[in-house]
Protein backbone atom coordinates (compact mmCIF):
# COMPACT_ATOMS: atom_id res chain seq x y z
CA MET A 1 -189.13 133.62 8.98
CA LYS A 2 -188.79 130.02 10.22
CA LYS A 3 -191.72 128.98 8.02
CA THR A 4 -190.05 130.57 4.94
CA LEU A 5 -186.80 128.83 5.78
CA MET A 6 -188.56 125.48 6.17
CA ILE A 7 -190.28 125.93 2.76
CA CYS A 8 -186.88 126.69 1.16
CA LEU A 9 -185.28 123.61 2.68
CA LEU A 10 -188.16 121.37 1.59
CA THR A 11 -188.01 122.78 -1.94
CA LEU A 12 -184.25 122.12 -2.03
CA LEU A 13 -184.78 118.55 -0.85
CA VAL A 14 -187.44 117.91 -3.55
CA VAL A 15 -185.21 119.28 -6.26
CA TYR A 16 -182.23 117.22 -5.08
CA ALA A 17 -184.30 114.06 -4.79
CA SER A 18 -185.78 114.65 -8.26
CA SER A 19 -182.29 115.10 -9.72
CA MET A 20 -181.05 111.86 -8.15
CA ILE A 21 -184.04 109.99 -9.61
CA ILE A 22 -183.36 111.42 -13.06
CA ALA A 23 -179.66 110.56 -12.83
CA LYS A 24 -180.48 107.05 -11.67
CA ASN A 25 -183.00 106.52 -14.43
CA GLN A 26 -180.45 107.83 -17.00
CA MET A 27 -177.84 105.37 -15.85
CA GLU A 28 -180.39 102.51 -15.83
CA SER A 29 -181.20 103.30 -19.45
CA ILE A 30 -177.53 102.69 -20.35
CA PRO A 31 -176.71 99.26 -18.91
CA MET A 32 -173.49 99.07 -20.91
CA VAL A 33 -171.89 101.60 -18.46
CA ASP A 34 -171.70 98.86 -15.82
CA ALA A 35 -170.38 96.39 -18.44
CA ILE A 36 -167.35 98.60 -19.06
CA HIS A 37 -164.43 98.05 -16.68
CA TRP A 38 -161.40 100.37 -16.73
CA LEU A 39 -158.14 98.63 -16.01
CA GLY A 40 -155.94 101.69 -16.35
CA HIS A 41 -154.54 103.79 -19.19
CA ASP A 42 -156.45 102.85 -22.36
CA THR A 43 -157.26 99.34 -21.22
CA PHE A 44 -160.99 98.48 -20.91
CA LYS A 45 -162.69 95.15 -20.40
CA ILE A 46 -166.20 95.10 -21.87
CA VAL A 47 -168.31 92.19 -20.76
CA LYS A 48 -171.62 91.60 -22.56
CA ASP A 49 -172.13 87.93 -23.57
CA ILE A 50 -168.56 87.96 -24.82
CA VAL A 51 -165.40 89.60 -23.43
CA ILE A 52 -163.70 92.42 -25.26
CA TYR A 53 -160.41 94.04 -24.26
CA THR A 54 -158.94 97.27 -25.65
CA ASP A 55 -155.20 97.97 -25.66
CA PRO A 56 -154.21 95.54 -22.87
CA PHE A 57 -151.32 96.98 -20.82
CA LYS A 58 -149.98 96.05 -17.42
CA ILE A 59 -152.49 93.18 -17.12
CA LYS A 60 -152.17 91.60 -13.67
CA ASN A 61 -154.61 88.70 -13.98
CA LYS A 62 -154.95 86.12 -16.72
CA ASP A 63 -158.31 86.08 -18.51
CA ASN A 64 -159.98 84.73 -21.59
CA ALA A 65 -160.74 87.42 -24.15
CA ASP A 66 -163.05 86.78 -27.13
CA ILE A 67 -161.90 89.90 -28.95
CA ILE A 68 -158.87 92.12 -28.38
CA LEU A 69 -158.77 95.57 -30.08
CA ILE A 70 -155.42 97.27 -30.56
CA THR A 71 -155.41 100.97 -31.54
CA HIS A 72 -151.80 101.46 -32.53
CA GLU A 73 -148.24 100.12 -32.38
CA HIS A 74 -146.89 101.98 -29.30
CA PHE A 75 -145.64 99.68 -26.52
CA ASP A 76 -148.33 100.78 -24.06
CA HIS A 77 -151.11 99.83 -26.50
CA CYS A 78 -149.72 96.95 -28.46
CA SER A 79 -148.09 94.84 -25.77
CA PRO A 80 -147.57 91.23 -26.86
CA GLY A 81 -146.83 90.03 -23.31
CA ASP A 82 -150.05 91.49 -21.99
CA ILE A 83 -152.03 90.21 -24.91
CA LYS A 84 -150.80 86.62 -24.29
CA LYS A 85 -152.27 86.82 -20.74
CA LEU A 86 -155.72 87.16 -22.35
CA GLN A 87 -155.35 85.18 -25.58
CA THR A 88 -156.84 81.74 -26.22
CA ASN A 89 -157.04 79.70 -29.35
CA ASP A 90 -160.43 81.33 -30.04
CA THR A 91 -159.39 84.95 -29.41
CA ILE A 92 -159.59 87.32 -32.40
CA ILE A 93 -157.27 90.28 -32.41
CA ILE A 94 -158.02 93.31 -34.52
CA ALA A 95 -155.22 95.83 -35.11
CA PRO A 96 -153.68 98.29 -37.60
CA LYS A 97 -151.33 96.76 -40.17
CA ASP A 98 -148.10 97.90 -38.47
CA CYS A 99 -148.97 95.89 -35.37
CA ILE A 100 -149.35 92.59 -37.14
CA ALA A 101 -145.68 91.57 -37.05
CA LYS A 102 -145.67 91.82 -33.24
CA LEU A 103 -148.75 89.60 -32.82
CA SER A 104 -149.56 85.90 -33.30
CA GLY A 105 -152.74 83.86 -33.49
CA ASN A 106 -155.96 84.93 -35.19
CA VAL A 107 -155.11 88.50 -36.12
CA LYS A 108 -157.08 90.66 -38.49
CA ALA A 109 -155.70 93.88 -39.89
CA ILE A 110 -157.95 96.96 -40.20
CA ASN A 111 -157.60 100.45 -41.66
CA PRO A 112 -159.44 103.67 -40.68
CA GLY A 113 -162.87 103.81 -42.31
CA LYS A 114 -163.23 100.01 -42.47
CA SER A 115 -165.57 97.81 -40.44
CA ILE A 116 -165.67 94.12 -39.60
CA VAL A 117 -168.15 91.77 -37.91
CA VAL A 118 -166.52 89.51 -35.34
CA LYS A 119 -168.46 86.99 -33.24
CA GLY A 120 -171.64 88.94 -33.97
CA ILE A 121 -170.13 92.28 -32.91
CA THR A 122 -169.77 95.10 -35.49
CA ILE A 123 -166.47 96.94 -35.10
CA GLU A 124 -165.70 100.12 -37.06
CA ALA A 125 -162.20 101.60 -37.27
CA ILE A 126 -162.15 105.40 -36.80
CA PRO A 127 -159.09 107.56 -37.60
CA ALA A 128 -156.98 108.50 -34.53
CA TYR A 129 -154.18 111.01 -34.92
CA ASN A 130 -152.50 114.16 -33.64
CA THR A 131 -153.23 117.57 -35.10
CA ASN A 132 -150.73 119.74 -33.18
CA LYS A 133 -148.01 117.24 -32.29
CA GLN A 134 -146.23 114.31 -34.04
CA PHE A 135 -146.63 111.30 -31.69
CA HIS A 136 -149.48 109.86 -33.69
CA PRO A 137 -149.19 110.92 -37.33
CA ARG A 138 -152.27 110.60 -39.48
CA SER A 139 -150.18 108.81 -42.12
CA ASN A 140 -149.66 105.86 -39.73
CA GLN A 141 -153.35 104.94 -40.13
CA TRP A 142 -153.85 104.22 -36.48
CA VAL A 143 -157.35 103.88 -35.16
CA GLY A 144 -159.99 104.17 -32.56
CA TYR A 145 -163.02 101.90 -32.66
CA ILE A 146 -166.82 101.95 -32.51
CA ILE A 147 -168.11 98.75 -30.99
CA THR A 148 -171.81 98.04 -31.53
CA ILE A 149 -173.36 95.76 -28.95
CA ASP A 150 -177.13 95.38 -28.74
CA SER A 151 -177.65 98.57 -30.73
CA MET A 152 -175.44 100.50 -28.28
CA ARG A 153 -172.42 102.17 -29.88
CA ILE A 154 -169.25 102.42 -27.79
CA TYR A 155 -166.58 104.72 -29.20
CA MET A 156 -163.10 104.04 -27.97
CA ALA A 157 -161.14 106.98 -29.37
CA GLY A 158 -157.58 105.60 -29.05
CA ASP A 159 -154.65 108.06 -28.83
CA THR A 160 -155.93 111.11 -30.66
CA ASP A 161 -156.51 114.79 -30.61
CA TYR A 162 -159.86 116.38 -31.24
CA ILE A 163 -160.14 115.67 -34.95
CA PRO A 164 -162.70 116.71 -37.63
CA GLU A 165 -163.88 113.13 -38.06
CA MET A 166 -165.41 113.16 -34.59
CA LYS A 167 -168.05 115.63 -35.72
CA SER A 168 -169.40 112.99 -38.12
CA LEU A 169 -169.87 110.25 -35.51
CA LYS A 170 -173.54 109.50 -34.99
CA ASN A 171 -175.58 107.87 -32.23
CA ILE A 172 -172.72 107.26 -29.89
CA THR A 173 -173.96 105.74 -26.60
CA ILE A 174 -170.67 105.83 -24.67
CA ALA A 175 -167.47 107.68 -25.62
CA LEU A 176 -164.13 106.69 -24.10
CA LEU A 177 -161.91 109.75 -24.51
CA PRO A 178 -158.32 110.45 -23.62
CA VAL A 179 -157.90 113.50 -21.36
CA SER A 180 -154.24 113.68 -20.21
CA GLY A 181 -152.72 115.97 -22.83
CA VAL A 182 -149.03 115.67 -23.86
CA TYR A 183 -149.56 112.78 -26.36
CA VAL A 184 -153.32 113.18 -26.78
CA MET A 185 -156.17 115.63 -26.08
CA THR A 186 -156.15 117.78 -22.99
CA ALA A 187 -159.22 117.70 -20.73
CA ASP A 188 -160.38 120.92 -22.39
CA GLU A 189 -159.99 119.53 -25.87
CA ALA A 190 -161.67 116.25 -24.83
CA ALA A 191 -164.61 118.23 -23.57
CA GLN A 192 -164.90 119.96 -26.96
CA ALA A 193 -164.77 116.51 -28.56
CA ALA A 194 -167.54 115.20 -26.27
CA LEU A 195 -169.76 118.17 -27.19
CA ALA A 196 -169.18 117.43 -30.89
CA ILE A 197 -169.83 113.69 -30.52
CA LYS A 198 -172.84 114.13 -28.18
CA PRO A 199 -172.58 110.72 -26.48
CA GLU A 200 -175.12 109.74 -23.81
CA VAL A 201 -172.16 109.14 -21.46
CA ALA A 202 -168.49 110.09 -21.68
CA ILE A 203 -165.81 108.14 -19.81
CA PRO A 204 -162.31 109.68 -19.45
CA MET A 205 -159.17 107.55 -20.02
CA HIS A 206 -155.47 107.84 -20.74
CA TYR A 207 -154.41 109.12 -17.31
CA GLY A 208 -152.92 107.75 -14.11
CA SER A 209 -150.30 105.57 -15.71
CA ILE A 210 -147.69 107.09 -18.09
CA VAL A 211 -149.08 110.64 -18.08
CA GLY A 212 -152.03 112.50 -16.59
CA THR A 213 -153.82 112.27 -13.25
CA ILE A 214 -157.30 112.01 -11.77
CA ALA A 215 -157.30 115.85 -11.87
CA ASP A 216 -157.56 115.68 -15.68
CA ALA A 217 -160.57 113.36 -15.44
CA LYS A 218 -162.26 115.63 -12.91
CA LYS A 219 -161.61 118.70 -15.00
CA PHE A 220 -163.16 116.95 -18.00
CA GLU A 221 -166.13 116.15 -15.86
CA SER A 222 -166.55 119.75 -14.57
CA LEU A 223 -166.31 121.22 -18.12
CA LEU A 224 -169.22 118.99 -19.26
CA LYS A 225 -171.44 119.43 -16.25
CA GLY A 226 -175.02 119.91 -17.36
CA LYS A 227 -174.02 119.16 -20.98
CA VAL A 228 -172.81 115.54 -21.25
CA GLN A 229 -173.03 112.96 -18.46
CA VAL A 230 -169.54 111.90 -17.37
CA VAL A 231 -168.69 108.75 -15.48
CA ILE A 232 -165.21 108.49 -14.02
CA LYS A 233 -164.46 104.82 -13.68
CA LYS A 234 -162.56 103.41 -10.74
CA GLN A 235 -159.45 101.45 -11.89
CA GLU A 236 -160.05 97.77 -11.37
CA ASN A 237 -156.76 96.23 -12.39
């Protein structure tokens, strides 16, 4: 009996160790995960040769951004005061047309379906809108972004529901997906989106500030266990 129990324990240890090695190798194959820093809500700082910020909001520390990506006009995504904390004379801001009047400096307007190359980085604008609520109408032409860095494609979904366009996204390395519900996808809907997009890694966002909690991120993670690797980022700002 003791011998059988010992064999079972050893087997479990081997399986666990193997799974840890596999997980570690998977993470090492996606170095961009460590280059993505979550500053709360939909604000990410991506550092890879250049510095990219998405939807700066409640920025505590001044910084120098090379590129700032704005997804839509709402105050918690297009915040001129927060943008100025990151903006230099060389900063390029990309935003939908209805944000332009609120911004100054080197600002480039973009529409869904369009792409632009900025400082060697290819940035594609992807539609972002609600399907069962009216906070983010499709007619506003608000966006998410695919950022291509060193052949890795980071999809920052913006404020959106699970929309048909997500099924057409290809070769996404990392997907940054809202999970809080109310204004955007719920954790369940975000999990469906992740399964459609098939990223190598999914990172939950849009919780812990205005709406949503860590429980939404953890539910998203549990729904995708064994299907899509989820990394819940610790807030750094």
